[in-house]
C-alpha atoms as a PDB file:
ATOM      1  CA  MET A   1      22.444 -51.556 -51.906  1.00  0.00           C
ATOM      2  CA  LYS A   2      25.122 -50.258 -49.768  1.00  0.00           C
ATOM      3  CA  LEU A   3      27.731 -53.027 -48.413  1.00  0.00           C
ATOM      4  CA  LYS A   4      30.142 -52.345 -45.967  1.00  0.00           C
ATOM      5  CA  ILE A   5      33.863 -53.090 -46.641  1.00  0.00           C
ATOM      6  CA  ILE A   6      35.506 -55.079 -43.912  1.00  0.00           C
ATOM      7  CA  LYS A   7      39.256 -54.189 -43.876  1.00  0.00           C
ATOM      8  CA  GLN A   8      41.710 -56.709 -42.623  1.00  0.00           C
ATOM      9  CA  GLU A   9      45.310 -56.769 -42.617  1.00  0.00           C
ATOM     10  CA  LYS A  10      45.517 -59.721 -45.602  1.00  0.00           C
ATOM     11  CA  GLY A  11      42.642 -57.985 -47.670  1.00  0.00           C
ATOM     12  CA  CYS A  12      39.332 -56.387 -48.114  1.00  0.00           C
ATOM     13  CA  TYR A  13      36.114 -58.072 -47.620  1.00  0.00           C
ATOM     14  CA  LEU A  14      32.405 -57.635 -48.246  1.00  0.00           C
ATOM     15  CA  ARG A  15      29.383 -59.188 -46.005  1.00  0.00           C
ATOM     16  CA  LEU A  16      27.042 -60.574 -48.647  1.00  0.00           C
ATOM     17  CA  PRO A  17      23.287 -61.030 -48.804  1.00  0.00           C
ATOM     18  CA  GLU A  18      22.110 -64.354 -47.624  1.00  0.00           C
ATOM     19  CA  GLU A  19      21.350 -65.446 -51.204  1.00  0.00           C
ATOM     20  CA  PHE A  20      25.034 -65.902 -51.773  1.00  0.00           C
ATOM     21  CA  ARG A  21      25.396 -68.664 -49.217  1.00  0.00           C
ATOM     22  CA  GLN A  22      24.093 -71.024 -51.594  1.00  0.00           C
ATOM     23  CA  MET A  23      26.795 -70.165 -54.072  1.00  0.00           C
ATOM     24  CA  GLY A  24      30.349 -72.113 -54.156  1.00  0.00           C
ATOM     25  CA  GLU A  25      32.055 -68.870 -55.745  1.00  0.00           C
ATOM     26  CA  VAL A  26      31.090 -65.602 -57.691  1.00  0.00           C
ATOM     27  CA  GLU A  27      32.740 -63.557 -60.597  1.00  0.00           C
ATOM     28  CA  LEU A  28      33.765 -59.693 -60.164  1.00  0.00           C
ATOM     29  CA  PHE A  29      33.721 -57.705 -63.363  1.00  0.00           C
ATOM     30  CA  GLN A  30      35.446 -54.713 -63.629  1.00  0.00           C
ATOM     31  CA  LEU A  31      33.056 -52.417 -65.918  1.00  0.00           C
ATOM     32  CA  LYS A  32      35.202 -49.212 -65.841  1.00  0.00           C
ATOM     33  CA  GLU A  33      37.544 -47.515 -63.069  1.00  0.00           C
ATOM     34  CA  GLY A  34      35.464 -47.533 -59.794  1.00  0.00           C
ATOM     35  CA  TYR A  35      32.737 -49.621 -61.077  1.00  0.00           C
ATOM     36  CA  TYR A  36      32.373 -53.231 -60.676  1.00  0.00           C
ATOM     37  CA  LEU A  37      29.773 -56.000 -61.238  1.00  0.00           C
ATOM     38  CA  LEU A  38      29.529 -59.110 -58.900  1.00  0.00           C
ATOM     39  CA  SER A  39      27.498 -61.975 -60.079  1.00  0.00           C
ATOM     40  CA  SER A  40      26.951 -65.563 -59.640  1.00  0.00           C
ATOM     41  CA  VAL A  41      29.621 -67.578 -62.243  1.00  0.00           C
ATOM     42  CA  LEU A  42      28.124 -67.060 -65.812  1.00  0.00           C
ATOM     43  CA  GLY A  43      27.006 -70.557 -67.561  1.00  0.00           C
ATOM     44  CA  GLY A  44      26.329 -72.191 -64.261  1.00  0.00           C
ATOM     45  CA  GLY A  45      29.714 -73.115 -63.218  1.00  0.00           C
ATOM     46  CA  GLY A  46      30.594 -76.527 -61.206  1.00  0.00           C
ATOM     47  CA  ALA A  47      31.121 -75.170 -57.840  1.00  0.00           C
ATOM     48  CA  PRO A  48      27.625 -74.847 -56.725  1.00  0.00           C
ATOM     49  CA  ALA A  49      26.400 -78.144 -57.914  1.00  0.00           C
ATOM     50  CA  LYS A  50      29.277 -79.673 -56.090  1.00  0.00           C
ATOM     51  CA  ARG A  51      28.452 -77.775 -53.014  1.00  0.00           C
ATOM     52  CA  GLU A  52      24.918 -79.022 -53.275  1.00  0.00           C
ATOM     53  CA  ARG A  53      26.187 -82.408 -53.657  1.00  0.00           C
ATOM     54  CA  GLY A  54      28.348 -82.227 -50.635  1.00  0.00           C
ATOM     55  CA  GLU A  55      25.566 -80.805 -48.458  1.00  0.00           C
ATOM     56  CA  GLU A  56      23.282 -83.859 -49.529  1.00  0.00           C
ATOM     57  CA  GLU A  57      25.807 -86.223 -48.683  1.00  0.00           C
ATOM     58  CA  GLU A  58      26.430 -84.619 -45.290  1.00  0.00           C
ATOM     59  CA  LEU A  59      22.628 -84.596 -44.527  1.00  0.00           C
ATOM     60  CA  ILE A  60      22.172 -88.386 -45.721  1.00  0.00           C
ATOM     61  CA  ALA A  61      25.183 -89.139 -43.376  1.00  0.00           C
ATOM     62  CA  LYS A  62      23.243 -87.201 -40.451  1.00  0.00           C
ATOM     63  CA  LEU A  63      20.203 -88.915 -41.148  1.00  0.00           C
ATOM     64  CA  GLU A  64      21.881 -92.651 -40.800  1.00  0.00           C
ATOM     65  CA  SER A  65      23.068 -91.279 -37.397  1.00  0.00           C
ATOM     66  CA  ILE A  66      19.584 -90.911 -36.274  1.00  0.00           C
ATOM     67  CA  ILE A  67      17.542 -94.161 -35.458  1.00  0.00           C
ATOM     68  CA  MET A  68      14.751 -94.649 -38.122  1.00  0.00           C
ATOM     69  CA  ARG A  69      11.841 -94.192 -35.612  1.00  0.00           C
ATOM     70  CA  LYS A  70      12.848 -91.015 -34.503  1.00  0.00           C
ATOM     71  CA  ARG A  71      13.183 -89.351 -38.114  1.00  0.00           C
ATOM     72  CA  SER A  72       9.771 -87.490 -37.721  1.00  0.00           C
ATOM     73  CA  PRO A  73       9.082 -84.021 -39.085  1.00  0.00           C
ATOM     74  CA  SER A  74       8.913 -82.653 -35.840  1.00  0.00           C
ATOM     75  CA  TYR A  75      12.161 -84.277 -34.490  1.00  0.00           C
ATOM     76  CA  LEU A  76      14.162 -83.289 -37.438  1.00  0.00           C
ATOM     77  CA  LYS A  77      13.010 -79.518 -37.437  1.00  0.00           C
ATOM     78  CA  SER A  78      14.382 -79.802 -33.809  1.00  0.00           C
ATOM     79  CA  VAL A  79      17.814 -80.892 -34.705  1.00  0.00           C
ATOM     80  CA  LEU A  80      18.446 -79.625 -38.418  1.00  0.00           C
ATOM     81  CA  GLY A  81      19.264 -76.221 -39.395  1.00  0.00           C
ATOM     82  CA  LYS A  82      17.436 -73.948 -41.861  1.00  0.00           C
ATOM     83  CA  GLU A  83      19.778 -74.807 -44.690  1.00  0.00           C
ATOM     84  CA  GLU A  84      19.795 -78.562 -43.928  1.00  0.00           C
ATOM     85  CA  LEU A  85      15.848 -78.866 -43.947  1.00  0.00           C
ATOM     86  CA  LYS A  86      15.866 -77.125 -47.435  1.00  0.00           C
ATOM     87  CA  THR A  87      18.612 -79.850 -48.516  1.00  0.00           C
ATOM     88  CA  LEU A  88      16.158 -82.515 -47.234  1.00  0.00           C
ATOM     89  CA  GLU A  89      13.127 -80.767 -49.291  1.00  0.00           C
ATOM     90  CA  ALA A  90      15.692 -81.625 -52.347  1.00  0.00           C
ATOM     91  CA  LEU A  91      16.381 -85.025 -51.230  1.00  0.00           C
ATOM     92  CA  LEU A  92      12.643 -85.579 -51.255  1.00  0.00           C
ATOM     93  CA  LYS A  93      11.940 -84.216 -54.626  1.00  0.00           C
ATOM     94  CA  SER A  94      15.023 -86.219 -56.249  1.00  0.00           C
ATOM     95  CA  GLY A  95      13.895 -89.283 -54.408  1.00  0.00           C
ATOM     96  CA  LYS A  96      17.131 -89.861 -52.584  1.00  0.00           C
ATOM     97  CA  VAL A  97      14.883 -89.945 -49.121  1.00  0.00           C
ATOM     98  CA  ALA A  98      11.609 -90.986 -49.074  1.00  0.00           C
ATOM     99  CA  TYR A  99       8.733 -90.120 -46.351  1.00  0.00           C
ATOM    100  CA  ILE A 100       6.616 -92.932 -45.024  1.00  0.00           C
ATOM    101  CA  HIS A 101       3.498 -92.228 -43.011  1.00  0.00           C
ATOM    102  CA  ASN A 102       1.115 -95.085 -41.840  1.00  0.00           C
ATOM    103  CA  LYS A 103      -0.480 -96.401 -38.516  1.00  0.00           C
ATOM    104  CA  LYS A 104       2.919 -97.652 -37.100  1.00  0.00           C
ATOM    105  CA  PHE A 105       4.478 -94.086 -37.905  1.00  0.00           C
ATOM    106  CA  LYS A 106       1.669 -91.784 -37.159  1.00  0.00           C
ATOM    107  CA  GLU A 107       3.627 -88.462 -37.814  1.00  0.00           C
ATOM    108  CA  GLY A 108       5.624 -90.050 -40.448  1.00  0.00           C
ATOM    109  CA  ILE A 109       9.337 -90.634 -41.048  1.00  0.00           C
ATOM    110  CA  TYR A 110      11.935 -90.081 -43.520  1.00  0.00           C
ATOM    111  CA  VAL A 111      13.577 -92.993 -45.178  1.00  0.00           C
ATOM    112  CA  ILE A 112      16.972 -93.102 -46.908  1.00  0.00           C
ATOM    113  CA  ASN A 113      16.915 -94.427 -50.396  1.00  0.00           C
ATOM    114  CA  ASP A 114      20.033 -96.096 -50.396  1.00  0.00           C
ATOM    115  CA  SER A 115      20.411 -96.151 -54.093  1.00  0.00           C
ATOM    116  CA  GLY A 116      20.548 -92.304 -54.463  1.00  0.00           C
ATOM    117  CA  LYS A 117      23.286 -91.894 -52.161  1.00  0.00           C
ATOM    118  CA  GLY A 118      25.854 -91.504 -54.917  1.00  0.00           C
ATOM    119  CA  ARG A 119      28.940 -92.476 -52.826  1.00  0.00           C
ATOM    120  CA  ALA A 120      31.942 -94.426 -54.053  1.00  0.00           C
ATOM    121  CA  GLY A 121      32.096 -97.939 -53.111  1.00  0.00           C
ATOM    122  CA  LYS A 122      28.981 -97.946 -51.324  1.00  0.00           C
ATOM    123  CA  GLY A 123      25.573 -99.251 -51.493  1.00  0.00           C
ATOM    124  CA  GLY A 124      23.799-102.803 -51.217  1.00  0.00           C
ATOM    125  CA  GLY A 125      25.589-103.507 -47.859  1.00  0.00           C
ATOM    126  CA  ASN A 126      23.642-105.252 -45.168  1.00  0.00           C
ATOM    127  CA  GLY A 127      22.917-102.042 -43.362  1.00  0.00           C
ATOM    128  CA  ASN A 128      21.312-100.583 -46.428  1.00  0.00           C
ATOM    129  CA  SER A 129      19.129-103.579 -47.106  1.00  0.00           C
ATOM    130  CA  ALA A 130      18.056-103.702 -43.381  1.00  0.00           C
ATOM    131  CA  GLU A 131      16.855-100.063 -43.797  1.00  0.00           C
ATOM    132  CA  LEU A 132      15.124-100.927 -46.930  1.00  0.00           C
ATOM    133  CA  THR A 133      13.688-103.892 -45.117  1.00  0.00           C
ATOM    134  CA  SER A 134      12.153-101.843 -42.267  1.00  0.00           C
ATOM    135  CA  ALA A 135      10.815 -99.453 -44.803  1.00  0.00           C
ATOM    136  CA  LEU A 136       9.163-102.200 -46.536  1.00  0.00           C
ATOM    137  CA  PHE A 137       7.331-103.798 -43.522  1.00  0.00           C
ATOM    138  CA  ALA A 138       6.613-100.018 -41.933  1.00  0.00           C
ATOM    139  CA  SER A 139       4.670 -99.085 -45.345  1.00  0.00           C
ATOM    140  CA  GLY A 140       3.789-102.225 -47.132  1.00  0.00           C
ATOM    141  CA  TYR A 141       5.949-101.407 -50.123  1.00  0.00           C
ATOM    142  CA  VAL A 142       9.122 -99.762 -51.267  1.00  0.00           C
ATOM    143  CA  ILE A 143      10.433 -98.672 -54.605  1.00  0.00           C
ATOM    144  CA  VAL A 144      14.243 -99.467 -55.397  1.00  0.00           C
ATOM    145  CA  GLU A 145      16.325 -98.247 -57.759  1.00  0.00           C
ATOM    146  CA  GLY A 146      19.866 -99.719 -58.829  1.00  0.00           C
ATOM    147  CA  ASN A 147      20.531-103.534 -58.978  1.00  0.00           C
ATOM    148  CA  ARG A 148      22.776-103.840 -56.047  1.00  0.00           C
ATOM    149  CA  ASP A 149      20.347-102.424 -53.516  1.00  0.00           C
ATOM    150  CA  ALA A 150      17.342-104.828 -55.152  1.00  0.00           C
ATOM    151  CA  GLN A 151      19.721-107.783 -54.833  1.00  0.00           C
ATOM    152  CA  ALA A 152      20.847-106.840 -51.290  1.00  0.00           C
ATOM    153  CA  LEU A 153      17.056-106.653 -50.412  1.00  0.00           C
ATOM    154  CA  SER A 154      16.319-109.641 -52.240  1.00  0.00           C
ATOM    155  CA  GLU A 155      18.885-111.609 -50.147  1.00  0.00           C
ATOM    156  CA  ASN A 156      17.674-109.913 -46.969  1.00  0.00           C
ATOM    157  CA  LEU A 157      13.998-111.532 -47.752  1.00  0.00           C
ATOM    158  CA  LEU A 158      14.936-114.807 -48.531  1.00  0.00           C
ATOM    159  CA  LYS A 159      13.168-116.131 -45.423  1.00  0.00           C
ATOM    160  CA  GLN A 160      10.212-114.203 -46.647  1.00  0.00           C
ATOM    161  CA  LYS A 161       9.497-115.866 -49.652  1.00  0.00           C
ATOM    162  CA  GLY A 162       5.751-116.157 -50.486  1.00  0.00           C
ATOM    163  CA  SER A 163       4.465-113.033 -48.511  1.00  0.00           C
ATOM    164  CA  ILE A 164       6.677-110.596 -50.813  1.00  0.00           C
ATOM    165  CA  LEU A 165       6.030-109.658 -54.357  1.00  0.00           C
ATOM    166  CA  GLY A 166       8.068-107.578 -56.766  1.00  0.00           C
ATOM    167  CA  VAL A 167       8.565-106.772 -60.072  1.00  0.00           C
ATOM    168  CA  ARG A 168      10.772-104.550 -62.091  1.00  0.00           C
ATOM    169  CA  GLY A 169       9.217-101.706 -64.347  1.00  0.00           C
ATOM    170  CA  PHE A 170      10.279-100.533 -67.697  1.00  0.00           C
ATOM    171  CA  ASP A 171      11.621 -97.480 -65.940  1.00  0.00           C
ATOM    172  CA  GLY A 172      14.189 -99.651 -64.234  1.00  0.00           C
ATOM    173  CA  LYS A 173      13.280 -99.434 -60.510  1.00  0.00           C
ATOM    174  CA  TYR A 174      11.829-102.365 -58.629  1.00  0.00           C
ATOM    175  CA  TYR A 175       8.665-102.338 -56.919  1.00  0.00           C
ATOM    176  CA  VAL A 176       8.322-104.431 -53.816  1.00  0.00           C
ATOM    177  CA  VAL A 177       5.219-104.931 -51.495  1.00  0.00           C
ATOM    178  CA  THR A 178       3.981-107.204 -48.926  1.00  0.00           C
ATOM    179  CA  ALA A 179       1.472-109.744 -49.729  1.00  0.00           C
ATOM    180  CA  ASN A 180      -0.880-108.237 -47.480  1.00  0.00           C
ATOM    181  CA  TYR A 181      -0.416-104.732 -48.811  1.00  0.00           C
ATOM    182  CA  PHE A 182      -0.971-106.203 -52.185  1.00  0.00           C
ATOM    183  CA  GLN A 183      -4.169-107.581 -51.302  1.00  0.00           C
ATOM    184  CA  LYS A 184      -5.194-104.237 -49.761  1.00  0.00           C
ATOM    185  CA  VAL A 185      -4.669-102.213 -52.598  1.00  0.00           C
ATOM    186  CA  SER A 186      -5.691-104.610 -55.075  1.00  0.00           C
ATOM    187  CA  GLU A 187      -9.250-104.592 -53.841  1.00  0.00           C
ATOM    188  CA  ALA A 188      -9.362-101.013 -53.880  1.00  0.00           C
ATOM    189  CA  ILE A 189      -8.420-100.987 -57.314  1.00  0.00           C
ATOM    190  CA  ALA A 190     -10.879-103.303 -58.105  1.00  0.00           C
ATOM    191  CA  GLN A 191     -13.576-101.030 -56.937  1.00  0.00           C
ATOM    192  CA  MET A 192     -12.145 -98.480 -59.849  1.00  0.00           C
ATOM    193  CA  GLY A 193     -13.137 -98.296 -63.372  1.00  0.00           C
ATOM    194  CA  ASP A 194     -11.677 -99.786 -66.223  1.00  0.00           C
ATOM    195  CA  GLU A 195      -9.142 -97.105 -66.397  1.00  0.00           C
ATOM    196  CA  VAL A 196      -7.357 -96.274 -63.389  1.00  0.00           C
ATOM    197  CA  SER A 197      -4.376 -94.199 -62.296  1.00  0.00           C
ATOM    198  CA  PRO A 198      -2.130 -94.503 -58.836  1.00  0.00           C
ATOM    199  CA  GLU A 199      -3.222 -91.054 -58.388  1.00  0.00           C
ATOM    200  CA  ASP A 200      -6.863 -91.728 -58.308  1.00  0.00           C
ATOM    201  CA  VAL A 201      -6.910 -94.871 -56.498  1.00  0.00           C
ATOM    202  CA  ALA A 202      -4.622 -93.054 -53.784  1.00  0.00           C
ATOM    203  CA  GLU A 203      -7.303 -90.134 -53.448  1.00  0.00           C
ATOM    204  CA  LYS A 204     -10.323 -92.120 -53.011  1.00  0.00           C
ATOM    205  CA  PHE A 205      -8.902 -94.547 -50.610  1.00  0.00           C
ATOM    206  CA  GLY A 206      -6.381 -92.435 -48.743  1.00  0.00           C
ATOM    207  CA  LEU A 207      -3.298 -94.671 -49.761  1.00  0.00           C
ATOM    208  CA  ALA A 208      -0.013 -93.488 -50.880  1.00  0.00           C
ATOM    209  CA  ILE A 209       0.615 -93.061 -54.589  1.00  0.00           C
ATOM    210  CA  ASP A 210       3.820 -94.656 -54.801  1.00  0.00           C
ATOM    211  CA  GLY A 211       2.290 -97.860 -53.022  1.00  0.00           C
ATOM    212  CA  CYS A 212      -0.859 -97.717 -55.672  1.00  0.00           C
ATOM    213  CA  LYS A 213       1.626 -97.438 -58.609  1.00  0.00           C
ATOM    214  CA  ALA A 214       3.580-100.717 -57.320  1.00  0.00           C
ATOM    215  CA  VAL A 215       0.508-102.492 -56.912  1.00  0.00           C
ATOM    216  CA  LEU A 216      -0.727-101.673 -60.331  1.00  0.00           C
ATOM    217  CA  LYS A 217       2.911-102.594 -61.778  1.00  0.00           C
ATOM    218  CA  LEU A 218       2.343-105.999 -60.301  1.00  0.00           C
ATOM    219  CA  LEU A 219      -1.158-106.346 -61.855  1.00  0.00           C
ATOM    220  CA  SER A 220       0.016-105.306 -65.019  1.00  0.00           C
ATOM    221  CA  GLU A 221       2.951-108.122 -64.980  1.00  0.00           C
ATOM    222  CA  LYS A 222       0.130-110.516 -63.928  1.00  0.00           C
ATOM    223  CA  GLY A 223      -1.648-109.531 -67.075  1.00  0.00           C
ATOM    224  CA  GLU A 224      -4.761-108.022 -65.565  1.00  0.00           C
ATOM    225  CA  TYR A 225      -4.097-104.614 -66.440  1.00  0.00           C
ATOM    226  CA  VAL A 226      -2.234-102.698 -69.338  1.00  0.00           C
ATOM    227  CA  GLU A 227      -0.071 -99.671 -68.639  1.00  0.00           C
ATOM    228  CA  LYS A 228      -0.783 -96.734 -71.078  1.00  0.00           C
ATOM    229  CA  LYS A 229       1.144 -93.509 -71.604  1.00  0.00           C
ATOM    230  CA  GLY A 230       0.819 -91.200 -68.899  1.00  0.00           C
ATOM    231  CA  GLY A 231       0.429 -93.500 -66.005  1.00  0.00           C
ATOM    232  CA  ILE A 232      -2.882 -94.719 -66.940  1.00  0.00           C
ATOM    233  CA  TYR A 233      -3.745 -98.528 -66.414  1.00  0.00           C
ATOM    234  CA  VAL A 234      -6.566-100.089 -68.336  1.00  0.00           C
ATOM    235  CA  ARG A 235      -8.143-103.514 -67.249  1.00  0.00           C
ATOM    236  CA  VAL A 236      -7.801-106.317 -69.327  1.00  0.00           C
END
């Protein structure tokens, strides 16, 4: 590949291929006179990861500036750049952002999982618990990571006592559902066999996998099911 050298007063520069945009820095090795090797930092380095974390925090801040009901896929595609959309996909995979799709939000919306922000000195504030509460009543369930967020959500739901159910799983996450959602999913689970997985219930009845997982966690806590390895639940 031939690259044009851009000569300026303070030095010479190369216009690198687009893939280098993801790298925080590169290494240049002189193989022999007139021959060089340009590569990503050997051993992984720390800069790309730091850059990625920065991009994630910037995107989360941008999502926070958009009111929740407008965070639909079509709207975000119109306001986010190509690289930002890739970052959004990474946030979804890591669980820092959740995608909710139900009758209220027919196209679906993106909700921030505040425990995954990773910002020093933040997390568990009134704004965070308010968004988690909105997500809970919008979808019927929410999965919370981190004690501070769980405590903040609990305090925000004190007046809803009796209509909200929650349990802390062995994975350290807090599974919270509304009473109506719990009843609906429990009835669906009751129609399954003695061995069931969240994926099976979700596929058969068109429900969210995480929502089914939350209800099965609660049923396990009540002693109606026992969780086996591999996410399989057995009726007691």
